[in-house]
Amino acid sequence: MLYLNLEELGALARQVREEAGLSQREAAERIGSSQSNVSAAEKGNSSRYISVALSIIEKIGGKRIEGPLYGIVEKRDSLE
């Protein structure tokens, strides 16, 4: 299983959004969220924004993230 921390998940969401040529506001409109939520998700601020990051990756990037969310950890240290 691939483990991502919140920052890595956010970076992937940002990469997907930028590759689609969308601003944070445009991405938010497409996924039914707000620009501030997209910004927080891309920064990996909190686990409460995981669904926003996943929506960007799946709905805008067309990439499917499979598996349980316990594969996403708050910090790398959590794996040790």
N, C-alpha and C. Protein backbone atom coordinates (compact mmCIF):
# COMPACT_ATOMS: atom_id res chain seq x y z
N MET A 1 0.84 -1.18 0.00
CA MET A 1 0.00 0.00 0.00
C MET A 1 0.89 1.24 0.00
N LEU A 2 0.51 2.21 -0.78
CA LEU A 2 1.20 3.48 -0.82
C LEU A 2 0.66 4.37 0.29
N TYR A 3 1.53 4.88 1.12
CA TYR A 3 1.12 5.77 2.19
C TYR A 3 1.46 7.21 1.80
N LEU A 4 0.51 8.09 1.96
CA LEU A 4 0.73 9.51 1.71
C LEU A 4 0.45 10.27 2.99
N ASN A 5 1.27 11.26 3.28
CA ASN A 5 0.89 12.14 4.38
C ASN A 5 0.03 13.26 3.79
N LEU A 6 -0.51 14.09 4.64
CA LEU A 6 -1.44 15.12 4.17
C LEU A 6 -0.78 16.09 3.21
N GLU A 7 0.49 16.42 3.45
CA GLU A 7 1.19 17.34 2.56
C GLU A 7 1.37 16.74 1.18
N GLU A 8 1.69 15.45 1.12
CA GLU A 8 1.87 14.78 -0.17
C GLU A 8 0.54 14.68 -0.93
N LEU A 9 -0.53 14.39 -0.21
CA LEU A 9 -1.84 14.33 -0.83
C LEU A 9 -2.21 15.71 -1.38
N GLY A 10 -1.95 16.75 -0.60
CA GLY A 10 -2.23 18.11 -1.05
C GLY A 10 -1.40 18.50 -2.26
N ALA A 11 -0.13 18.10 -2.27
CA ALA A 11 0.73 18.39 -3.41
C ALA A 11 0.24 17.69 -4.67
N LEU A 12 -0.26 16.47 -4.52
CA LEU A 12 -0.81 15.75 -5.66
C LEU A 12 -2.07 16.46 -6.17
N ALA A 13 -2.93 16.91 -5.27
CA ALA A 13 -4.13 17.65 -5.68
C ALA A 13 -3.74 18.93 -6.41
N ARG A 14 -2.75 19.64 -5.91
CA ARG A 14 -2.29 20.88 -6.57
C ARG A 14 -1.75 20.57 -7.96
N GLN A 15 -0.96 19.52 -8.07
CA GLN A 15 -0.40 19.14 -9.36
C GLN A 15 -1.51 18.83 -10.36
N VAL A 16 -2.51 18.09 -9.94
CA VAL A 16 -3.64 17.73 -10.81
C VAL A 16 -4.37 19.01 -11.26
N ARG A 17 -4.64 19.89 -10.30
CA ARG A 17 -5.34 21.14 -10.63
C ARG A 17 -4.55 21.99 -11.61
N GLU A 18 -3.26 22.14 -11.36
CA GLU A 18 -2.42 22.95 -12.24
C GLU A 18 -2.29 22.34 -13.63
N GLU A 19 -2.18 21.01 -13.70
CA GLU A 19 -2.11 20.34 -15.00
C GLU A 19 -3.40 20.53 -15.80
N ALA A 20 -4.51 20.69 -15.09
CA ALA A 20 -5.79 20.94 -15.76
C ALA A 20 -5.94 22.41 -16.14
N GLY A 21 -4.99 23.26 -15.70
CA GLY A 21 -5.02 24.68 -16.03
C GLY A 21 -6.08 25.46 -15.29
N LEU A 22 -6.42 25.01 -14.08
CA LEU A 22 -7.49 25.63 -13.30
C LEU A 22 -6.93 26.44 -12.13
N SER A 23 -7.59 27.53 -11.83
CA SER A 23 -7.29 28.26 -10.60
C SER A 23 -7.95 27.51 -9.45
N GLN A 24 -7.59 27.88 -8.24
CA GLN A 24 -8.24 27.25 -7.08
C GLN A 24 -9.74 27.51 -7.09
N ARG A 25 -10.15 28.70 -7.47
CA ARG A 25 -11.57 29.04 -7.53
C ARG A 25 -12.30 28.18 -8.56
N GLU A 26 -11.70 28.01 -9.74
CA GLU A 26 -12.33 27.20 -10.78
C GLU A 26 -12.43 25.74 -10.35
N ALA A 27 -11.38 25.24 -9.70
CA ALA A 27 -11.41 23.86 -9.21
C ALA A 27 -12.50 23.70 -8.16
N ALA A 28 -12.61 24.68 -7.27
CA ALA A 28 -13.64 24.64 -6.23
C ALA A 28 -15.03 24.57 -6.84
N GLU A 29 -15.27 25.36 -7.86
CA GLU A 29 -16.58 25.35 -8.53
C GLU A 29 -16.87 23.98 -9.12
N ARG A 30 -15.87 23.37 -9.72
CA ARG A 30 -16.07 22.05 -10.34
C ARG A 30 -16.39 20.95 -9.34
N ILE A 31 -15.83 21.07 -8.14
CA ILE A 31 -16.05 20.00 -7.15
C ILE A 31 -17.09 20.37 -6.10
N GLY A 32 -17.65 21.57 -6.21
CA GLY A 32 -18.68 21.99 -5.27
C GLY A 32 -18.15 22.36 -3.91
N SER A 33 -17.02 23.06 -3.90
CA SER A 33 -16.41 23.48 -2.65
C SER A 33 -16.07 24.96 -2.73
N SER A 34 -15.25 25.43 -1.82
CA SER A 34 -14.83 26.84 -1.84
C SER A 34 -13.34 26.94 -2.14
N GLN A 35 -12.92 28.12 -2.58
CA GLN A 35 -11.51 28.34 -2.87
C GLN A 35 -10.67 28.16 -1.62
N SER A 36 -11.17 28.60 -0.48
CA SER A 36 -10.39 28.47 0.76
C SER A 36 -10.22 27.00 1.15
N ASN A 37 -11.22 26.16 0.89
CA ASN A 37 -11.08 24.73 1.17
C ASN A 37 -10.06 24.08 0.24
N VAL A 38 -10.06 24.49 -1.03
CA VAL A 38 -9.07 23.96 -1.97
C VAL A 38 -7.67 24.36 -1.53
N SER A 39 -7.50 25.61 -1.13
CA SER A 39 -6.20 26.07 -0.65
C SER A 39 -5.74 25.26 0.56
N ALA A 40 -6.63 25.07 1.52
CA ALA A 40 -6.27 24.30 2.73
C ALA A 40 -5.93 22.85 2.38
N ALA A 41 -6.69 22.26 1.47
CA ALA A 41 -6.43 20.88 1.07
C ALA A 41 -5.06 20.76 0.41
N GLU A 42 -4.72 21.72 -0.45
CA GLU A 42 -3.43 21.68 -1.14
C GLU A 42 -2.26 21.89 -0.19
N LYS A 43 -2.49 22.59 0.89
CA LYS A 43 -1.44 22.80 1.89
C LYS A 43 -1.32 21.63 2.85
N GLY A 44 -2.30 20.73 2.86
CA GLY A 44 -2.27 19.60 3.78
C GLY A 44 -2.48 20.05 5.21
N ASN A 45 -3.30 21.09 5.40
CA ASN A 45 -3.49 21.69 6.72
C ASN A 45 -4.10 20.76 7.76
N SER A 46 -5.05 19.96 7.35
CA SER A 46 -5.81 19.16 8.32
C SER A 46 -6.46 17.99 7.62
N SER A 47 -6.69 16.93 8.36
CA SER A 47 -7.34 15.76 7.78
C SER A 47 -8.79 16.05 7.39
N ARG A 48 -9.36 17.16 7.87
CA ARG A 48 -10.74 17.47 7.49
C ARG A 48 -10.87 17.87 6.02
N TYR A 49 -9.74 18.12 5.34
CA TYR A 49 -9.75 18.50 3.93
C TYR A 49 -9.38 17.35 2.99
N ILE A 50 -9.26 16.16 3.52
CA ILE A 50 -8.93 15.00 2.69
C ILE A 50 -9.94 14.84 1.56
N SER A 51 -11.22 14.98 1.87
CA SER A 51 -12.25 14.78 0.84
C SER A 51 -12.13 15.81 -0.28
N VAL A 52 -11.70 17.02 0.05
CA VAL A 52 -11.51 18.05 -0.99
C VAL A 52 -10.35 17.65 -1.90
N ALA A 53 -9.23 17.24 -1.31
CA ALA A 53 -8.08 16.81 -2.11
C ALA A 53 -8.44 15.61 -2.98
N LEU A 54 -9.15 14.65 -2.42
CA LEU A 54 -9.55 13.47 -3.19
C LEU A 54 -10.50 13.85 -4.32
N SER A 55 -11.40 14.79 -4.08
CA SER A 55 -12.32 15.23 -5.13
C SER A 55 -11.57 15.86 -6.29
N ILE A 56 -10.56 16.67 -5.99
CA ILE A 56 -9.75 17.28 -7.05
C ILE A 56 -9.07 16.19 -7.86
N ILE A 57 -8.44 15.26 -7.18
CA ILE A 57 -7.70 14.19 -7.85
C ILE A 57 -8.63 13.34 -8.70
N GLU A 58 -9.78 12.99 -8.16
CA GLU A 58 -10.69 12.09 -8.87
C GLU A 58 -11.55 12.80 -9.91
N LYS A 59 -12.17 13.92 -9.55
CA LYS A 59 -13.12 14.58 -10.46
C LYS A 59 -12.43 15.42 -11.53
N ILE A 60 -11.32 16.03 -11.20
CA ILE A 60 -10.63 16.88 -12.17
C ILE A 60 -9.54 16.09 -12.88
N GLY A 61 -8.80 15.29 -12.13
CA GLY A 61 -7.70 14.54 -12.72
C GLY A 61 -8.10 13.22 -13.33
N GLY A 62 -9.30 12.76 -13.00
CA GLY A 62 -9.75 11.48 -13.54
C GLY A 62 -8.97 10.30 -12.99
N LYS A 63 -8.31 10.51 -11.85
CA LYS A 63 -7.53 9.44 -11.23
C LYS A 63 -8.33 8.86 -10.08
N ARG A 64 -8.31 7.58 -9.96
CA ARG A 64 -9.06 6.91 -8.90
C ARG A 64 -8.13 6.58 -7.75
N ILE A 65 -8.48 7.04 -6.57
CA ILE A 65 -7.74 6.69 -5.37
C ILE A 65 -8.52 5.57 -4.70
N GLU A 66 -7.93 4.41 -4.63
CA GLU A 66 -8.62 3.26 -4.05
C GLU A 66 -8.00 2.89 -2.72
N GLY A 67 -8.78 2.19 -1.95
CA GLY A 67 -8.27 1.69 -0.68
C GLY A 67 -8.77 2.52 0.47
N PRO A 68 -8.54 2.02 1.65
CA PRO A 68 -9.02 2.72 2.85
C PRO A 68 -8.21 3.98 3.12
N LEU A 69 -8.84 4.93 3.76
CA LEU A 69 -8.17 6.19 4.06
C LEU A 69 -7.10 6.06 5.13
N TYR A 70 -7.00 4.91 5.79
CA TYR A 70 -5.92 4.80 6.77
C TYR A 70 -4.58 4.72 6.08
N GLY A 71 -4.57 4.66 4.74
CA GLY A 71 -3.33 4.74 3.99
C GLY A 71 -2.78 6.15 3.94
N ILE A 72 -3.57 7.11 4.40
CA ILE A 72 -3.13 8.50 4.46
C ILE A 72 -2.86 8.83 5.91
N VAL A 73 -1.64 9.23 6.19
CA VAL A 73 -1.25 9.47 7.58
C VAL A 73 -0.92 10.94 7.79
N GLU A 74 -1.06 11.40 9.00
CA GLU A 74 -0.79 12.80 9.32
C GLU A 74 0.68 13.15 9.19
N LYS A 75 1.55 12.28 9.64
CA LYS A 75 2.99 12.53 9.58
C LYS A 75 3.73 11.24 9.24
N ARG A 76 4.86 11.36 8.58
CA ARG A 76 5.68 10.20 8.25
C ARG A 76 6.06 9.43 9.50
N ASP A 77 6.29 10.14 10.61
CA ASP A 77 6.69 9.48 11.85
C ASP A 77 5.67 8.45 12.31
N SER A 78 4.43 8.59 11.87
CA SER A 78 3.37 7.68 12.28
C SER A 78 3.60 6.26 11.76
N LEU A 79 4.47 6.12 10.75
CA LEU A 79 4.72 4.79 10.18
C LEU A 79 5.75 4.00 10.96
N GLU A 80 6.46 4.65 11.82
CA GLU A 80 7.54 3.97 12.54
C GLU A 80 7.03 3.28 13.77
